[in-house]
Protein backbone atom coordinates (compact mmCIF):
# COMPACT_ATOMS: atom_id res chain seq x y z
CA MET A 1 -28.49 12.64 -30.85
CA ILE A 2 -27.00 15.29 -33.18
CA ALA A 3 -27.60 18.95 -32.31
CA LYS A 4 -30.30 20.61 -34.44
CA ARG A 5 -27.93 23.36 -35.54
CA MET A 6 -26.03 20.84 -37.66
CA ALA A 7 -29.07 20.39 -39.90
CA LYS A 8 -28.41 23.92 -41.19
CA LEU A 9 -25.02 22.92 -42.57
CA ASP A 10 -24.44 21.07 -45.80
CA SER A 11 -21.22 19.22 -46.52
CA SER A 12 -19.04 21.55 -48.56
CA GLY A 13 -19.34 20.98 -52.29
CA ILE A 14 -15.64 21.75 -52.50
CA ARG A 15 -14.80 18.89 -50.16
CA LYS A 16 -16.91 16.54 -52.28
CA VAL A 17 -14.84 17.43 -55.34
CA PHE A 18 -11.62 17.04 -53.31
CA ASP A 19 -12.74 13.53 -52.33
CA LEU A 20 -13.51 12.78 -55.96
CA ALA A 21 -10.08 14.05 -57.01
CA ALA A 22 -8.43 11.67 -54.56
CA ALA A 23 -10.23 8.74 -56.14
CA MET A 24 -9.51 9.65 -59.79
CA LYS A 25 -6.40 8.75 -61.76
CA ASN A 26 -4.61 11.75 -63.26
CA PRO A 27 -7.48 14.25 -63.17
CA ILE A 28 -7.14 17.75 -64.59
CA ASN A 29 -7.63 19.51 -61.28
CA LEU A 30 -8.80 23.12 -61.50
CA SER A 31 -10.82 22.92 -58.31
CA ILE A 32 -8.31 23.48 -55.53
CA GLY A 33 -8.06 26.91 -53.93
CA GLN A 34 -4.45 26.77 -52.86
CA PRO A 35 -1.26 27.97 -54.57
CA ASP A 36 0.64 25.49 -56.71
CA PHE A 37 3.96 26.89 -55.47
CA ASP A 38 5.51 25.78 -52.19
CA VAL A 39 6.25 27.69 -48.99
CA PRO A 40 9.39 29.81 -49.56
CA GLU A 41 12.57 28.21 -48.22
CA PRO A 42 13.38 30.96 -45.65
CA VAL A 43 9.94 30.47 -44.11
CA LYS A 44 10.38 26.69 -43.97
CA GLU A 45 13.78 27.12 -42.32
CA ALA A 46 12.35 29.53 -39.74
CA ALA A 47 9.67 26.97 -38.85
CA ILE A 48 12.17 24.12 -38.61
CA GLU A 49 14.47 26.21 -36.43
CA ALA A 50 11.56 27.15 -34.17
CA ILE A 51 10.59 23.49 -33.73
CA ARG A 52 14.17 22.45 -32.99
CA ALA A 53 14.55 25.32 -30.53
CA GLY A 54 11.60 23.99 -28.55
CA GLN A 55 9.02 26.58 -29.52
CA ASN A 56 6.34 23.94 -29.63
CA ARG A 57 4.21 24.86 -26.64
CA TYR A 58 1.08 26.94 -26.30
CA THR A 59 1.61 30.62 -26.93
CA VAL A 60 -0.41 33.42 -25.39
CA THR A 61 -3.88 33.33 -26.91
CA GLN A 62 -3.55 36.64 -28.74
CA GLY A 63 -0.32 35.58 -30.50
CA ILE A 64 3.39 36.09 -29.86
CA PRO A 65 4.51 39.72 -29.41
CA LYS A 66 7.05 39.62 -32.24
CA LEU A 67 4.40 38.63 -34.78
CA HIS A 68 2.00 41.22 -33.35
CA GLU A 69 4.57 43.93 -33.88
CA ALA A 70 5.35 42.78 -37.42
CA LEU A 71 1.66 42.62 -38.33
CA ARG A 72 1.02 46.08 -36.90
CA ARG A 73 3.80 47.55 -39.02
CA ARG A 74 2.52 45.77 -42.13
CA ILE A 75 -1.10 46.87 -41.60
CA ILE A 76 -0.06 50.49 -41.09
CA ARG A 77 2.16 50.39 -44.18
CA ASP A 78 -0.11 48.50 -46.58
CA LYS A 79 -3.61 49.35 -45.35
CA GLY A 80 -3.20 52.82 -43.91
CA VAL A 81 -4.82 51.63 -40.69
CA GLU A 82 -3.59 52.00 -37.10
CA PRO A 83 -5.25 48.93 -35.54
CA GLU A 84 -6.74 49.23 -32.08
CA ASN A 85 -6.04 45.58 -31.43
CA ILE A 86 -4.82 42.44 -33.22
CA LEU A 87 -5.54 38.76 -32.68
CA VAL A 88 -3.48 36.01 -34.33
CA THR A 89 -5.87 33.25 -35.38
CA SER A 90 -5.94 29.72 -36.77
CA GLY A 91 -6.30 30.94 -40.33
CA VAL A 92 -8.83 33.46 -41.58
CA SER A 93 -11.42 30.70 -41.24
CA GLY A 94 -10.76 30.71 -37.50
CA ALA A 95 -11.07 34.50 -37.42
CA LEU A 96 -14.39 34.34 -39.28
CA MET A 97 -15.81 31.75 -36.92
CA LEU A 98 -14.79 33.72 -33.84
CA ALA A 99 -16.19 36.97 -35.25
CA VAL A 100 -19.56 35.55 -36.22
CA LEU A 101 -19.93 33.74 -32.89
CA VAL A 102 -19.09 36.93 -31.00
CA LEU A 103 -21.30 39.27 -33.03
CA VAL A 104 -24.38 37.45 -34.34
CA ASN A 105 -27.44 36.87 -32.19
CA GLU A 106 -30.46 34.81 -33.17
CA GLY A 107 -32.42 36.70 -35.82
CA ASP A 108 -29.65 39.17 -36.67
CA GLU A 109 -29.28 39.77 -40.38
CA VAL A 110 -25.90 39.53 -42.07
CA ILE A 111 -25.49 41.03 -45.53
CA ILE A 112 -23.40 38.88 -47.88
CA PRO A 113 -22.67 39.75 -51.52
CA ASP A 114 -23.56 36.83 -53.80
CA PRO A 115 -21.45 34.96 -55.03
CA TYR A 116 -19.70 34.40 -51.69
CA PHE A 117 -17.09 32.21 -50.01
CA VAL A 118 -18.84 29.00 -49.04
CA MET A 119 -18.17 29.38 -45.31
CA TYR A 120 -20.01 32.68 -44.83
CA LYS A 121 -23.64 31.65 -44.94
CA HIS A 122 -23.05 28.44 -43.00
CA LEU A 123 -21.42 30.30 -40.11
CA VAL A 124 -24.34 32.73 -39.97
CA ASN A 125 -26.81 29.85 -40.00
CA LEU A 126 -24.86 28.08 -37.26
CA CYS A 127 -25.38 31.13 -35.04
CA ALA A 128 -29.11 31.26 -35.90
CA GLY A 129 -28.59 34.48 -37.81
CA THR A 130 -30.16 35.25 -41.17
CA PRO A 131 -27.95 35.54 -44.25
CA VAL A 132 -29.22 38.25 -46.60
CA PHE A 133 -27.73 38.03 -50.06
CA VAL A 134 -26.89 40.93 -52.35
CA ASP A 135 -27.09 39.80 -55.97
CA THR A 136 -24.01 41.12 -57.81
CA TYR A 137 -24.58 39.35 -61.13
CA PRO A 138 -23.57 39.71 -63.92
CA ASP A 139 -20.57 41.98 -63.24
CA PHE A 140 -19.93 40.90 -59.60
CA ARG A 141 -19.58 44.54 -58.47
CA VAL A 142 -20.32 45.25 -54.81
CA THR A 143 -21.88 48.70 -54.63
CA ALA A 144 -23.47 50.82 -51.91
CA GLU A 145 -26.65 51.01 -54.00
CA ARG A 146 -26.98 47.24 -54.13
CA ILE A 147 -26.24 46.88 -50.40
CA ALA A 148 -28.63 49.65 -49.33
CA LYS A 149 -31.62 47.78 -50.75
CA LYS A 150 -31.01 44.92 -48.30
CA ILE A 151 -30.55 46.85 -45.05
CA THR A 152 -33.32 46.53 -42.45
CA PRO A 153 -33.56 47.34 -38.72
CA LYS A 154 -32.31 43.79 -38.08
CA THR A 155 -29.09 44.20 -40.06
CA LYS A 156 -26.06 43.74 -37.80
CA LEU A 157 -23.14 42.87 -40.02
CA LEU A 158 -21.80 43.41 -43.54
CA LEU A 159 -19.41 40.77 -44.84
CA LEU A 160 -17.05 41.83 -47.65
CA ASN A 161 -14.41 39.82 -49.51
CA SER A 162 -12.00 41.52 -51.91
CA PRO A 163 -10.34 40.17 -53.97
CA ALA A 164 -13.15 37.67 -53.91
CA ASN A 165 -13.50 33.93 -53.86
CA PRO A 166 -15.07 32.62 -56.17
CA THR A 167 -15.22 35.45 -58.73
CA GLY A 168 -11.81 37.12 -58.44
CA ALA A 169 -13.63 40.47 -58.38
CA VAL A 170 -11.88 43.40 -56.70
CA MET A 171 -13.96 46.11 -55.08
CA ASP A 172 -13.90 49.51 -56.76
CA ASP A 173 -11.87 51.99 -54.67
CA ALA A 174 -14.35 54.72 -55.59
CA GLU A 175 -17.20 52.65 -54.13
CA LEU A 176 -15.58 52.08 -50.73
CA PRO A 177 -16.33 55.56 -49.25
CA LYS A 178 -20.01 55.13 -50.19
CA ILE A 179 -20.15 51.71 -48.54
CA ALA A 180 -18.35 53.07 -45.46
CA ALA A 181 -20.87 55.92 -45.21
CA LEU A 182 -23.72 53.43 -45.48
CA ALA A 183 -22.24 51.25 -42.73
CA ARG A 184 -21.75 54.31 -40.52
CA LYS A 185 -25.34 55.49 -41.10
CA HIS A 186 -26.74 52.14 -39.97
CA ASN A 187 -24.11 51.42 -37.29
CA LEU A 188 -23.04 48.14 -38.92
CA VAL A 189 -20.00 46.06 -38.14
CA VAL A 190 -18.03 45.29 -41.29
CA ILE A 191 -15.95 42.15 -41.75
CA SER A 192 -13.42 42.66 -44.53
CA ASP A 193 -11.92 39.33 -45.58
CA GLU A 194 -8.73 40.30 -47.42
CA ILE A 195 -6.96 36.94 -47.51
CA TYR A 196 -6.32 37.36 -51.27
CA ASP A 197 -5.02 40.94 -51.09
CA PHE A 198 -1.57 39.85 -52.32
CA PHE A 199 -3.15 38.64 -55.58
CA SER A 200 -4.43 41.97 -56.90
CA TYR A 201 -3.40 42.37 -60.53
CA GLU A 202 -4.54 45.84 -61.52
CA GLY A 203 -2.85 47.76 -58.71
CA GLY A 204 -3.30 47.62 -54.96
CA SER A 205 -6.85 47.58 -53.64
CA LYS A 206 -7.73 49.78 -50.69
CA SER A 207 -9.26 48.47 -47.47
CA ILE A 208 -12.54 49.74 -46.08
CA ALA A 209 -10.84 49.54 -42.67
CA ALA A 210 -8.98 52.75 -43.58
CA LEU A 211 -12.33 54.53 -43.96
CA TYR A 212 -14.51 52.92 -41.32
CA PRO A 213 -13.08 52.08 -37.87
CA ASN A 214 -15.84 49.60 -36.99
CA THR A 215 -14.24 47.09 -39.37
CA LEU A 216 -12.68 43.72 -38.66
CA LEU A 217 -9.80 43.47 -41.12
CA MET A 218 -8.82 39.84 -41.74
CA GLY A 219 -5.78 38.46 -43.53
CA GLY A 220 -3.29 35.64 -43.43
CA PHE A 221 -0.45 33.68 -44.95
CA SER A 222 -2.21 30.80 -46.73
CA LYS A 223 -2.37 32.39 -50.17
CA SER A 224 0.58 34.83 -50.31
CA HIS A 225 3.06 32.29 -48.89
CA ALA A 226 1.31 28.98 -49.67
CA MET A 227 1.04 28.23 -45.92
CA THR A 228 -2.44 26.71 -46.26
CA GLY A 229 -1.79 23.81 -43.88
CA TRP A 230 -0.05 25.95 -41.27
CA ARG A 231 -3.31 27.67 -40.24
CA LEU A 232 -2.03 31.18 -39.58
CA GLY A 233 -4.17 34.28 -39.92
CA TYR A 234 -5.01 37.48 -38.10
CA VAL A 235 -7.79 39.94 -37.44
CA ALA A 236 -7.35 43.61 -36.60
CA GLY A 237 -10.06 45.95 -35.43
CA PRO A 238 -11.99 47.54 -32.55
CA LYS A 239 -10.55 46.76 -29.14
CA GLU A 240 -13.86 45.62 -27.64
CA ILE A 241 -14.67 43.12 -30.40
CA ILE A 242 -11.12 41.75 -30.61
CA GLY A 243 -11.14 41.36 -26.83
CA GLU A 244 -14.24 39.17 -26.98
CA MET A 245 -12.81 37.17 -29.88
CA THR A 246 -9.62 36.62 -27.87
CA LYS A 247 -11.68 35.37 -24.94
CA LEU A 248 -13.53 32.93 -27.20
CA GLN A 249 -10.30 31.74 -28.82
CA GLN A 250 -8.95 30.96 -25.34
CA PHE A 251 -11.84 28.51 -24.90
CA SER A 252 -11.76 27.07 -28.43
CA PHE A 253 -8.65 27.18 -30.66
CA VAL A 254 -6.46 28.25 -27.67
CA CYS A 255 -3.83 29.74 -30.02
CA ALA A 256 -2.53 29.55 -33.55
CA PRO A 257 0.23 26.96 -34.12
CA SER A 258 3.34 28.13 -32.29
CA PHE A 259 5.97 27.26 -34.92
CA ALA A 260 3.83 28.91 -37.63
CA GLN A 261 3.66 32.13 -35.63
CA VAL A 262 7.45 32.27 -35.41
CA ALA A 263 7.76 31.55 -39.14
CA GLY A 264 5.10 34.16 -39.86
CA VAL A 265 7.53 36.90 -38.85
CA THR A 266 9.96 35.64 -41.49
CA ALA A 267 7.14 35.33 -44.02
CA LEU A 268 6.34 39.02 -43.64
CA GLU A 269 9.97 39.75 -44.55
CA THR A 270 10.00 37.37 -47.54
CA ASP A 271 9.23 38.76 -50.99
CA THR A 272 6.84 36.57 -52.98
CA THR A 273 6.11 39.16 -55.70
CA PRO A 274 7.39 36.88 -58.52
CA PHE A 275 4.56 34.46 -57.73
CA ARG A 276 2.00 37.24 -58.19
CA GLU A 277 3.40 38.02 -61.63
CA GLN A 278 3.18 34.34 -62.56
CA TYR A 279 -0.44 34.27 -61.46
CA ARG A 280 -1.26 37.40 -63.45
CA ALA A 281 -0.08 35.47 -66.55
CA LYS A 282 -2.17 32.43 -65.52
CA ARG A 283 -5.19 34.71 -65.13
CA ASP A 284 -4.70 36.03 -68.65
CA LEU A 285 -4.20 32.52 -70.03
CA ILE A 286 -7.46 31.14 -68.68
CA TYR A 287 -9.51 34.30 -69.27
CA ASN A 288 -8.47 34.55 -72.91
CA GLY A 289 -8.94 30.82 -73.40
CA LEU A 290 -12.49 30.86 -72.01
CA ARG A 291 -13.45 33.98 -73.93
CA ASP A 292 -12.10 32.54 -77.18
CA ALA A 293 -14.11 29.37 -76.55
CA GLY A 294 -17.30 31.43 -76.35
CA TYR A 295 -17.85 31.46 -72.59
CA GLU A 296 -19.59 34.39 -70.93
CA VAL A 297 -16.94 35.48 -68.43
CA GLN A 298 -15.74 38.48 -66.41
CA LYS A 299 -12.01 39.15 -66.20
CA PRO A 300 -10.89 38.67 -62.57
CA GLY A 301 -9.02 41.54 -60.97
CA GLY A 302 -7.50 39.39 -58.25
CA ALA A 303 -7.36 36.09 -56.33
CA PHE A 304 -6.83 32.97 -58.47
CA TYR A 305 -10.34 32.04 -59.52
CA ILE A 306 -12.53 32.74 -62.53
CA PHE A 307 -16.32 32.38 -62.55
CA PRO A 308 -17.72 31.82 -66.06
CA LYS A 309 -21.32 31.13 -66.87
CA ALA A 310 -22.10 27.52 -67.77
CA PRO A 311 -22.74 27.54 -71.52
CA TRP A 312 -25.58 25.03 -71.22
CA GLY A 313 -27.59 23.26 -68.53
CA THR A 314 -27.32 23.90 -64.82
CA ASP A 315 -23.97 24.27 -63.13
CA GLN A 316 -24.29 20.74 -61.72
CA GLU A 317 -25.08 19.24 -65.13
CA PHE A 318 -22.16 20.98 -66.78
CA VAL A 319 -19.72 20.05 -64.01
CA ALA A 320 -20.85 16.43 -64.24
CA GLU A 321 -19.91 16.47 -67.93
CA ALA A 322 -16.55 18.07 -67.10
CA ILE A 323 -15.87 15.34 -64.54
CA ARG A 324 -16.71 12.66 -67.12
CA ASN A 325 -13.89 14.26 -69.12
CA LYS A 326 -11.55 14.09 -66.09
CA LEU A 327 -11.76 17.85 -65.44
CA LEU A 328 -12.45 18.85 -61.84
CA ILE A 329 -14.16 22.22 -61.38
CA ILE A 330 -16.72 23.40 -58.81
CA PRO A 331 -20.43 24.11 -59.41
CA GLY A 332 -21.14 27.80 -58.85
CA SER A 333 -24.13 27.01 -56.61
CA VAL A 334 -21.64 25.98 -53.90
CA PHE A 335 -20.89 29.72 -53.67
CA SER A 336 -24.19 31.24 -54.70
CA GLU A 337 -27.96 31.19 -54.56
CA ARG A 338 -27.85 30.75 -58.35
CA ALA A 339 -27.03 27.55 -60.24
CA THR A 340 -25.68 29.15 -63.40
CA HIS A 341 -21.90 29.51 -63.09
CA LEU A 342 -18.70 27.55 -62.49
CA ARG A 343 -15.72 28.19 -60.26
CA ILE A 344 -12.41 27.41 -61.90
CA SER A 345 -9.15 27.75 -60.01
CA TYR A 346 -6.06 28.68 -61.99
CA ALA A 347 -3.77 27.88 -59.06
CA ALA A 348 -2.22 25.21 -61.24
CA THR A 349 0.59 24.70 -63.71
CA ASP A 350 0.22 26.31 -67.12
CA GLU A 351 0.12 22.82 -68.63
CA THR A 352 -2.80 21.85 -66.40
CA ILE A 353 -4.64 25.07 -67.29
CA ARG A 354 -4.16 24.38 -71.01
CA ARG A 355 -5.41 20.80 -70.61
CA GLY A 356 -8.43 22.13 -68.76
CA LEU A 357 -9.13 24.66 -71.50
CA GLU A 358 -9.03 21.89 -74.10
CA VAL A 359 -11.80 20.06 -72.22
CA LEU A 360 -13.80 23.23 -71.70
CA ARG A 361 -13.63 24.05 -75.42
CA ARG A 362 -14.71 20.51 -76.29
CA ILE A 363 -17.74 20.45 -73.99
CA ALA A 364 -18.86 24.05 -74.55
CA LYS A 365 -21.80 22.82 -76.64
CA PRO A 366 -24.19 20.09 -75.47
CA GLY A 367 -24.34 16.82 -77.34
CA PRO A 368 -22.50 13.50 -77.75
CA ARG A 369 -18.73 13.68 -77.37
CA LYS A 370 -15.80 11.50 -76.56
CA ALA A 371 -14.29 11.64 -73.07
């Protein structure tokens, strides 16, 4: 009865932890990948006003002109890119699905740095493509040298994510021209998922889209403005590819939520910089706490995740012990072909982070312990 393609998808390990969190009383939740602050008031008011003004109907598939214009200005200013075309999407997840469906044929190879956002490999599998993983352990650096070893005549697409989920790694600006040259040499399409670009703590990170025109630059409002449930994102890139994605959106998502598009214009005018500074401090709090507790860990340059190595056992075994101590974190194998690390989200209050660190210090060594 069920289509065979569904056998290639596994229920997200993140969703399993979310379900567990809903069933637990007062868990220490460091699993959720969404900001702990709320949508800024001016953005809420813009959405409410749009709803009351009757802007509740379908919009044009590509997105309302006012948001298009605002996004174009922002991309030119922040990314140094003059986009050929823009499509407003139902979140970056919607953009990713449209792009992979439009670009990947059966047997095409898609290069994905490992660790990776959980959705990437499943979308490729859904389209009968072949995910090809680039191992970036232990430093999580994405380099042209590492990518080049995985390119074959079947390679169609390179999928990049910086700052990255789950590691928080930010791509080295000096490495981008080398990766762009490699993509150009092999005529690859690049997807650059930059949903976390607002959370870059060591200075702004450049976009490969400024160096390589055959790039789909993706971004959105879920992280920078806490609009996770509003499902508003965008993709900018080559006219031909965006045109096909727009066609597919017309027969799938139809359009991004109308009120969210109107509010998105206000969001682009709303400064959320103070939140970034708060998250820089949270990053330092959890990094220093893990390091002091003896964990093997890389300091994240962006996003709001940290990806330490499990100090004992497999990732699943260690996470099971954390859960017995009411701490919710995610096994690294949800995001990787390895089962050695843990994803911890510091999108939480400082108090919650400190409570989580107490548990992590307590369970850092195997053996009997009190919950």
